[in-house]
Amino acid sequence: MRALVMAGGAVAVVLAWRFVSRGRSLWWSMAVVNGTLGLLAVVLGSVTLSPRFHPLIAAMAGAGVGFLMWAATRGFVWIASGWPPFARHTADLYDQQGGMSLGLAVTIAAVIVAPGEELFWRALFQSELSAEMSRTSAALLTWAAYALANAASGRLPIIAGGIVGGAVWGALAWWTEGILASLASHVVWTGMMLVAPPRKAR
């Protein structure tokens, strides 16, 4: 059952990105898919928060990493936007907010999309693979699958985010053996990218 959910979920993410690439609302589309996948992970009992560290330490460490990622992303986008295709793709992504308010977009992204991704990819996908192979191999394979699924977006910023973000969040889950740190990092990074986006993305 879990293997079926893992495979089907990865395909669903690919299809969702193809749907978004055709001009559909980014946050509504990803909320439906990631929210559903996150709920499935919870139902399957795959969620472990922070068995190695106190939850407060894991959450604070993850949030700190999220802020650092946001700062680094702003700098990267500033430089990469000198390449017209990257600048165009970045602007298109922010334009696909679907006319919703900033508050609603942040709520959907931070409460549904980012947690759903962590619940599916790190809590279910990575932990399930860890039962079949070494934790390091499971983290690397999950990273590859996550990056490939997000590459279906065809958008350079999403592809870069899938590679870098997937590596960071996978590493946090590997280090803490739970998803609290990666969840905090993902939520903070996503929220800050909306509240204080790179200047050239506005």
Protein backbone atom coordinates (compact mmCIF):
# COMPACT_ATOMS: atom_id res chain seq x y z
CA MET A 1 0.00 0.00 0.00
CA ARG A 2 2.73 2.45 0.96
CA ALA A 3 4.75 1.66 -2.16
CA LEU A 4 1.65 2.34 -4.27
CA VAL A 5 1.06 5.68 -2.54
CA MET A 6 4.71 6.62 -3.02
CA ALA A 7 4.70 5.86 -6.73
CA GLY A 8 1.26 7.36 -7.32
CA GLY A 9 2.13 10.45 -5.30
CA ALA A 10 5.27 11.13 -7.32
CA VAL A 11 3.26 10.84 -10.54
CA ALA A 12 0.58 13.13 -9.10
CA VAL A 13 3.19 15.82 -8.39
CA VAL A 14 4.46 15.57 -11.97
CA LEU A 15 0.92 15.89 -13.34
CA ALA A 16 0.19 18.84 -11.03
CA TRP A 17 3.21 20.72 -12.31
CA ARG A 18 2.18 20.05 -15.91
CA PHE A 19 -1.25 21.41 -15.01
CA VAL A 20 0.35 24.55 -13.55
CA SER A 21 2.56 24.93 -16.61
CA ARG A 22 -0.61 25.37 -18.65
CA GLY A 23 -1.48 28.51 -16.73
CA ARG A 24 -3.52 27.15 -13.83
CA SER A 25 -3.21 28.63 -10.35
CA LEU A 26 0.02 27.52 -8.74
CA TRP A 27 -1.08 27.46 -5.10
CA TRP A 28 -4.53 25.95 -5.57
CA SER A 29 -3.16 23.19 -7.80
CA MET A 30 -0.30 22.27 -5.50
CA ALA A 31 -2.49 22.59 -2.40
CA VAL A 32 -4.87 19.90 -3.66
CA VAL A 33 -2.09 17.47 -4.55
CA ASN A 34 0.30 18.06 -1.65
CA GLY A 35 -2.51 18.37 0.87
CA THR A 36 -3.90 15.00 -0.21
CA LEU A 37 -0.48 13.33 -0.18
CA GLY A 38 0.26 14.76 3.26
CA LEU A 39 -3.00 13.40 4.63
CA LEU A 40 -2.23 9.97 3.17
CA ALA A 41 1.15 9.98 4.93
CA VAL A 42 -0.57 10.76 8.23
CA VAL A 43 -3.21 8.05 7.68
CA LEU A 44 -0.50 5.51 6.92
CA GLY A 45 1.19 6.38 10.21
CA SER A 46 4.47 7.44 8.66
CA VAL A 47 5.04 10.64 10.64
CA THR A 48 7.90 10.86 13.12
CA LEU A 49 8.69 14.37 14.33
CA SER A 50 12.02 14.43 16.15
CA PRO A 51 13.19 11.27 17.91
CA ARG A 52 16.86 12.31 18.19
CA PHE A 53 16.47 15.88 19.45
CA HIS A 54 14.12 17.84 21.66
CA PRO A 55 11.28 19.15 19.43
CA LEU A 56 12.09 22.78 20.29
CA ILE A 57 15.72 22.34 19.22
CA ALA A 58 14.71 20.63 15.97
CA ALA A 59 12.12 23.30 15.18
CA MET A 60 14.49 26.18 15.93
CA ALA A 61 17.30 24.62 13.91
CA GLY A 62 14.97 24.03 10.99
CA ALA A 63 13.57 27.56 11.12
CA GLY A 64 17.08 28.98 11.22
CA VAL A 65 18.05 26.95 8.16
CA GLY A 66 14.88 28.18 6.45
CA PHE A 67 15.85 31.81 7.01
CA LEU A 68 19.36 31.15 5.73
CA MET A 69 17.92 29.47 2.64
CA TRP A 70 15.65 32.46 2.04
CA ALA A 71 18.56 34.90 2.27
CA ALA A 72 20.69 32.74 -0.03
CA THR A 73 17.81 32.38 -2.49
CA ARG A 74 17.34 36.14 -2.68
CA GLY A 75 21.00 36.53 -3.57
CA PHE A 76 20.90 33.70 -6.08
CA VAL A 77 17.79 35.05 -7.82
CA TRP A 78 19.35 38.51 -7.98
CA ILE A 79 22.34 37.09 -9.85
CA ALA A 80 20.50 34.49 -11.94
CA SER A 81 17.90 37.02 -13.08
CA GLY A 82 20.58 38.47 -15.31
CA TRP A 83 19.77 35.48 -17.52
CA PRO A 84 16.48 36.40 -19.28
CA PRO A 85 14.91 32.89 -19.24
CA PHE A 86 15.41 32.61 -15.47
CA ALA A 87 14.02 36.10 -14.89
CA ARG A 88 10.98 35.33 -17.04
CA HIS A 89 10.28 32.03 -15.31
CA THR A 90 10.58 33.64 -11.89
CA ALA A 91 8.19 36.45 -12.79
CA ASP A 92 5.72 33.97 -14.29
CA LEU A 93 5.65 31.95 -11.07
CA TYR A 94 4.78 34.97 -8.95
CA ASP A 95 2.16 35.99 -11.52
CA GLN A 96 0.50 32.58 -11.12
CA GLN A 97 -0.70 33.45 -7.65
CA GLY A 98 -4.12 33.31 -9.27
CA GLY A 99 -5.31 36.73 -8.13
CA MET A 100 -5.46 35.61 -4.48
CA SER A 101 -4.35 37.91 -1.70
CA LEU A 102 -0.88 37.63 -0.22
CA GLY A 103 -2.32 36.50 3.09
CA LEU A 104 -4.26 33.66 1.49
CA ALA A 105 -1.27 32.61 -0.62
CA VAL A 106 0.99 32.52 2.44
CA THR A 107 -1.60 30.55 4.41
CA ILE A 108 -2.07 27.95 1.68
CA ALA A 109 1.67 27.65 1.08
CA ALA A 110 2.68 27.46 4.74
CA VAL A 111 -0.23 25.41 6.09
CA ILE A 112 -0.94 23.01 3.23
CA VAL A 113 1.66 22.94 0.45
CA ALA A 114 4.96 22.93 2.37
CA PRO A 115 3.74 20.60 5.17
CA GLY A 116 2.17 18.30 2.59
CA GLU A 117 5.47 18.01 0.75
CA GLU A 118 7.38 17.21 3.91
CA LEU A 119 4.81 14.67 5.07
CA PHE A 120 4.90 12.88 1.74
CA TRP A 121 8.53 13.13 0.65
CA ARG A 122 10.38 13.03 3.96
CA ALA A 123 7.94 11.39 6.42
CA LEU A 124 6.64 8.73 4.02
CA PHE A 125 8.95 8.42 1.03
CA GLN A 126 12.33 8.81 2.74
CA SER A 127 11.45 6.90 5.90
CA GLU A 128 9.90 4.02 3.94
CA LEU A 129 13.01 3.70 1.79
CA SER A 130 15.11 3.76 4.97
CA ALA A 131 13.47 0.48 5.96
CA GLU A 132 14.79 -1.14 2.78
CA MET A 133 18.27 0.42 2.54
CA SER A 134 20.67 2.62 4.48
CA ARG A 135 19.36 5.97 5.71
CA THR A 136 21.90 7.79 3.53
CA SER A 137 20.89 5.89 0.40
CA ALA A 138 17.22 6.54 1.19
CA ALA A 139 17.87 10.26 1.58
CA LEU A 140 19.76 10.42 -1.72
CA LEU A 141 17.11 8.46 -3.61
CA THR A 142 14.33 10.62 -2.15
CA TRP A 143 16.27 13.74 -3.14
CA ALA A 144 16.58 12.47 -6.72
CA ALA A 145 12.88 11.58 -6.94
CA TYR A 146 11.84 14.94 -5.45
CA ALA A 147 14.08 16.89 -7.83
CA LEU A 148 12.85 14.94 -10.87
CA ALA A 149 9.19 15.38 -9.91
CA ASN A 150 9.65 19.13 -9.55
CA ALA A 151 11.61 19.31 -12.80
CA ALA A 152 8.30 18.51 -14.51
CA SER A 153 7.36 22.15 -13.83
CA GLY A 154 9.66 23.20 -16.64
CA ARG A 155 10.43 26.34 -14.60
CA LEU A 156 14.06 27.06 -13.82
CA PRO A 157 13.43 28.45 -10.28
CA ILE A 158 11.37 25.38 -9.34
CA ILE A 159 14.02 23.04 -10.76
CA ALA A 160 16.73 24.86 -8.77
CA GLY A 161 14.52 24.83 -5.67
CA GLY A 162 13.86 21.12 -6.06
CA ILE A 163 17.56 20.37 -6.23
CA VAL A 164 18.75 22.66 -3.43
CA GLY A 165 15.67 22.51 -1.20
CA GLY A 166 15.34 18.78 -1.63
CA ALA A 167 18.96 18.33 -0.55
CA VAL A 168 18.62 20.58 2.51
CA TRP A 169 15.28 19.19 3.73
CA GLY A 170 16.35 15.63 3.08
CA ALA A 171 19.54 16.25 5.05
CA LEU A 172 17.59 17.70 7.96
CA ALA A 173 15.29 14.68 8.00
CA TRP A 174 18.32 12.39 7.82
CA TRP A 175 20.07 14.22 10.67
CA THR A 176 17.09 14.36 13.04
CA GLU A 177 15.45 11.09 11.90
CA GLY A 178 12.13 12.97 11.80
CA ILE A 179 10.46 15.73 9.85
CA LEU A 180 10.04 18.53 12.38
CA ALA A 181 13.27 20.30 11.39
CA SER A 182 12.67 19.95 7.64
CA LEU A 183 9.05 20.99 8.10
CA ALA A 184 10.02 24.16 9.99
CA SER A 185 12.66 24.97 7.38
CA HIS A 186 10.32 24.42 4.44
CA VAL A 187 7.49 26.48 5.97
CA VAL A 188 9.77 29.39 6.88
CA TRP A 189 11.47 29.43 3.47
CA THR A 190 8.20 29.23 1.55
CA GLY A 191 6.52 31.89 3.66
CA MET A 192 9.44 34.29 3.41
CA MET A 193 9.68 33.82 -0.36
CA LEU A 194 6.12 35.12 -0.57
CA VAL A 195 6.24 37.81 2.10
CA ALA A 196 9.66 39.15 1.09
CA PRO A 197 10.39 37.84 -2.43
CA PRO A 198 13.59 38.56 -4.33
CA ARG A 199 13.47 42.13 -5.59
CA LYS A 200 13.78 41.16 -9.24
CA ALA A 201 10.86 38.72 -8.89
CA ARG A 202 8.35 41.41 -7.98
